[in-house]
Amino acid sequence: MSTQGEFGLKDVTAQMIKTVRKETRAGTIDCRDALIESQGDTDKAIEILKQKGIGTPKKVWV
């Protein structure tokens, strides 16, 4: 974590991105940005992506 109390790019882990991607199917960069905005809170990041309409596709191809 950052020593200055700010959450940034270097604080986002691959595991955090994987967790958000699994729930939302959003792109890696979108997940990363949402995690930074949510200060590393994966549940809040998922909500941010849902509010922005990013992620879960409207139609799932089988």
N, C-alpha and C. Protein backbone atom coordinates (compact mmCIF):
# COMPACT_ATOMS: atom_id res chain seq x y z
N MET A 1 0.83 -1.19 0.00
CA MET A 1 0.00 0.00 0.00
C MET A 1 0.88 1.26 0.00
N SER A 2 0.32 2.34 -0.43
CA SER A 2 1.04 3.60 -0.49
C SER A 2 1.32 4.13 0.91
N THR A 3 2.47 4.73 1.10
CA THR A 3 2.84 5.23 2.42
C THR A 3 2.13 6.53 2.77
N GLN A 4 1.59 7.22 1.79
CA GLN A 4 0.95 8.51 2.02
C GLN A 4 -0.54 8.38 2.29
N GLY A 5 -1.05 7.18 2.38
CA GLY A 5 -2.47 7.00 2.66
C GLY A 5 -3.36 7.08 1.42
N GLU A 6 -2.77 7.23 0.26
CA GLU A 6 -3.54 7.30 -0.98
C GLU A 6 -3.45 5.97 -1.70
N PHE A 7 -4.56 5.54 -2.26
CA PHE A 7 -4.59 4.28 -3.00
C PHE A 7 -4.36 4.59 -4.46
N GLY A 8 -3.39 3.93 -5.08
CA GLY A 8 -3.07 4.22 -6.47
C GLY A 8 -2.85 2.97 -7.28
N LEU A 9 -2.36 3.18 -8.47
CA LEU A 9 -2.14 2.10 -9.43
C LEU A 9 -1.26 1.00 -8.87
N LYS A 10 -0.21 1.36 -8.16
CA LYS A 10 0.72 0.35 -7.65
C LYS A 10 0.11 -0.50 -6.54
N ASP A 11 -1.02 -0.08 -5.99
CA ASP A 11 -1.67 -0.81 -4.91
C ASP A 11 -2.67 -1.85 -5.42
N VAL A 12 -3.03 -1.79 -6.69
CA VAL A 12 -3.99 -2.73 -7.27
C VAL A 12 -3.27 -4.04 -7.60
N THR A 13 -3.79 -5.14 -7.09
CA THR A 13 -3.16 -6.45 -7.35
C THR A 13 -3.93 -7.18 -8.46
N ALA A 14 -3.26 -8.15 -9.05
CA ALA A 14 -3.88 -8.97 -10.09
C ALA A 14 -5.08 -9.74 -9.51
N GLN A 15 -4.98 -10.17 -8.27
CA GLN A 15 -6.07 -10.91 -7.62
C GLN A 15 -7.31 -10.02 -7.47
N MET A 16 -7.10 -8.76 -7.14
CA MET A 16 -8.24 -7.83 -7.01
C MET A 16 -8.94 -7.66 -8.36
N ILE A 17 -8.14 -7.47 -9.42
CA ILE A 17 -8.70 -7.30 -10.75
C ILE A 17 -9.44 -8.58 -11.17
N LYS A 18 -8.86 -9.72 -10.89
CA LYS A 18 -9.48 -11.00 -11.24
C LYS A 18 -10.83 -11.15 -10.56
N THR A 19 -10.92 -10.77 -9.29
CA THR A 19 -12.18 -10.86 -8.55
C THR A 19 -13.26 -9.99 -9.19
N VAL A 20 -12.90 -8.76 -9.53
CA VAL A 20 -13.88 -7.84 -10.13
C VAL A 20 -14.26 -8.31 -11.52
N ARG A 21 -13.30 -8.78 -12.31
CA ARG A 21 -13.59 -9.27 -13.66
C ARG A 21 -14.51 -10.47 -13.64
N LYS A 22 -14.31 -11.36 -12.66
CA LYS A 22 -15.14 -12.56 -12.56
C LYS A 22 -16.61 -12.19 -12.34
N GLU A 23 -16.84 -11.16 -11.55
CA GLU A 23 -18.22 -10.73 -11.24
C GLU A 23 -18.85 -9.90 -12.34
N THR A 24 -18.06 -9.11 -13.05
CA THR A 24 -18.63 -8.14 -13.99
C THR A 24 -18.36 -8.43 -15.46
N ARG A 25 -17.34 -9.23 -15.75
CA ARG A 25 -16.89 -9.47 -17.12
C ARG A 25 -16.39 -8.21 -17.80
N ALA A 26 -16.02 -7.22 -17.02
CA ALA A 26 -15.49 -5.97 -17.56
C ALA A 26 -14.03 -6.16 -17.96
N GLY A 27 -13.52 -5.24 -18.74
CA GLY A 27 -12.13 -5.30 -19.17
C GLY A 27 -11.17 -5.02 -18.02
N THR A 28 -9.94 -5.43 -18.20
CA THR A 28 -8.93 -5.28 -17.16
C THR A 28 -8.73 -3.82 -16.76
N ILE A 29 -8.62 -2.94 -17.73
CA ILE A 29 -8.38 -1.52 -17.46
C ILE A 29 -9.58 -0.91 -16.73
N ASP A 30 -10.80 -1.26 -17.15
CA ASP A 30 -11.99 -0.76 -16.47
C ASP A 30 -12.02 -1.22 -15.02
N CYS A 31 -11.66 -2.48 -14.79
CA CYS A 31 -11.62 -3.02 -13.42
C CYS A 31 -10.57 -2.29 -12.60
N ARG A 32 -9.41 -2.09 -13.18
CA ARG A 32 -8.33 -1.39 -12.48
C ARG A 32 -8.76 0.02 -12.08
N ASP A 33 -9.36 0.74 -13.02
CA ASP A 33 -9.79 2.10 -12.74
C ASP A 33 -10.86 2.15 -11.66
N ALA A 34 -11.79 1.19 -11.70
CA ALA A 34 -12.83 1.14 -10.68
C ALA A 34 -12.24 0.81 -9.31
N LEU A 35 -11.24 -0.05 -9.27
CA LEU A 35 -10.57 -0.37 -8.00
C LEU A 35 -9.84 0.83 -7.44
N ILE A 36 -9.21 1.61 -8.29
CA ILE A 36 -8.53 2.81 -7.83
C ILE A 36 -9.56 3.80 -7.29
N GLU A 37 -10.67 3.97 -8.02
CA GLU A 37 -11.72 4.89 -7.59
C GLU A 37 -12.34 4.46 -6.26
N SER A 38 -12.43 3.15 -6.05
CA SER A 38 -13.05 2.63 -4.82
C SER A 38 -12.03 2.41 -3.70
N GLN A 39 -10.81 2.85 -3.91
CA GLN A 39 -9.74 2.70 -2.91
C GLN A 39 -9.47 1.24 -2.56
N GLY A 40 -9.62 0.33 -3.54
CA GLY A 40 -9.31 -1.07 -3.34
C GLY A 40 -10.44 -1.94 -2.83
N ASP A 41 -11.62 -1.37 -2.67
CA ASP A 41 -12.79 -2.12 -2.19
C ASP A 41 -13.43 -2.81 -3.40
N THR A 42 -13.30 -4.15 -3.48
CA THR A 42 -13.79 -4.87 -4.66
C THR A 42 -15.30 -4.78 -4.80
N ASP A 43 -16.04 -4.83 -3.71
CA ASP A 43 -17.51 -4.73 -3.80
C ASP A 43 -17.94 -3.37 -4.32
N LYS A 44 -17.28 -2.33 -3.85
CA LYS A 44 -17.59 -0.98 -4.32
C LYS A 44 -17.19 -0.82 -5.80
N ALA A 45 -16.08 -1.43 -6.18
CA ALA A 45 -15.63 -1.37 -7.58
C ALA A 45 -16.66 -2.02 -8.51
N ILE A 46 -17.21 -3.14 -8.07
CA ILE A 46 -18.24 -3.82 -8.85
C ILE A 46 -19.46 -2.92 -9.01
N GLU A 47 -19.86 -2.26 -7.94
CA GLU A 47 -21.00 -1.34 -8.00
C GLU A 47 -20.72 -0.17 -8.93
N ILE A 48 -19.51 0.35 -8.90
CA ILE A 48 -19.12 1.46 -9.79
C ILE A 48 -19.26 1.04 -11.25
N LEU A 49 -18.76 -0.15 -11.57
CA LEU A 49 -18.85 -0.64 -12.95
C LEU A 49 -20.30 -0.86 -13.38
N LYS A 50 -21.12 -1.38 -12.47
CA LYS A 50 -22.54 -1.59 -12.80
C LYS A 50 -23.23 -0.26 -13.05
N GLN A 51 -22.93 0.75 -12.24
CA GLN A 51 -23.53 2.07 -12.42
C GLN A 51 -23.13 2.70 -13.75
N LYS A 52 -21.89 2.46 -14.17
CA LYS A 52 -21.41 3.00 -15.43
C LYS A 52 -21.87 2.17 -16.63
N GLY A 53 -22.45 0.99 -16.36
CA GLY A 53 -22.91 0.14 -17.44
C GLY A 53 -21.79 -0.62 -18.12
N ILE A 54 -20.67 -0.76 -17.42
CA ILE A 54 -19.53 -1.47 -17.97
C ILE A 54 -19.54 -2.89 -17.43
N GLY A 55 -19.30 -3.85 -18.30
CA GLY A 55 -19.20 -5.22 -17.82
C GLY A 55 -20.23 -6.13 -18.40
N THR A 56 -20.95 -6.83 -17.54
CA THR A 56 -21.85 -7.90 -17.92
C THR A 56 -22.56 -7.58 -19.24
N PRO A 57 -22.32 -8.41 -20.23
CA PRO A 57 -22.90 -8.15 -21.55
C PRO A 57 -24.43 -8.26 -21.56
N LYS A 58 -25.02 -7.51 -22.43
CA LYS A 58 -26.49 -7.54 -22.55
C LYS A 58 -26.96 -8.90 -23.05
N LYS A 59 -26.16 -9.51 -23.92
CA LYS A 59 -26.52 -10.82 -24.47
C LYS A 59 -25.31 -11.73 -24.36
N VAL A 60 -25.51 -12.88 -23.79
CA VAL A 60 -24.42 -13.84 -23.65
C VAL A 60 -24.48 -14.81 -24.83
N TRP A 61 -23.37 -14.92 -25.54
CA TRP A 61 -23.30 -15.82 -26.70
C TRP A 61 -22.99 -17.23 -26.21
N VAL A 62 -23.73 -18.18 -26.72
CA VAL A 62 -23.53 -19.58 -26.32
C VAL A 62 -22.99 -20.36 -27.48
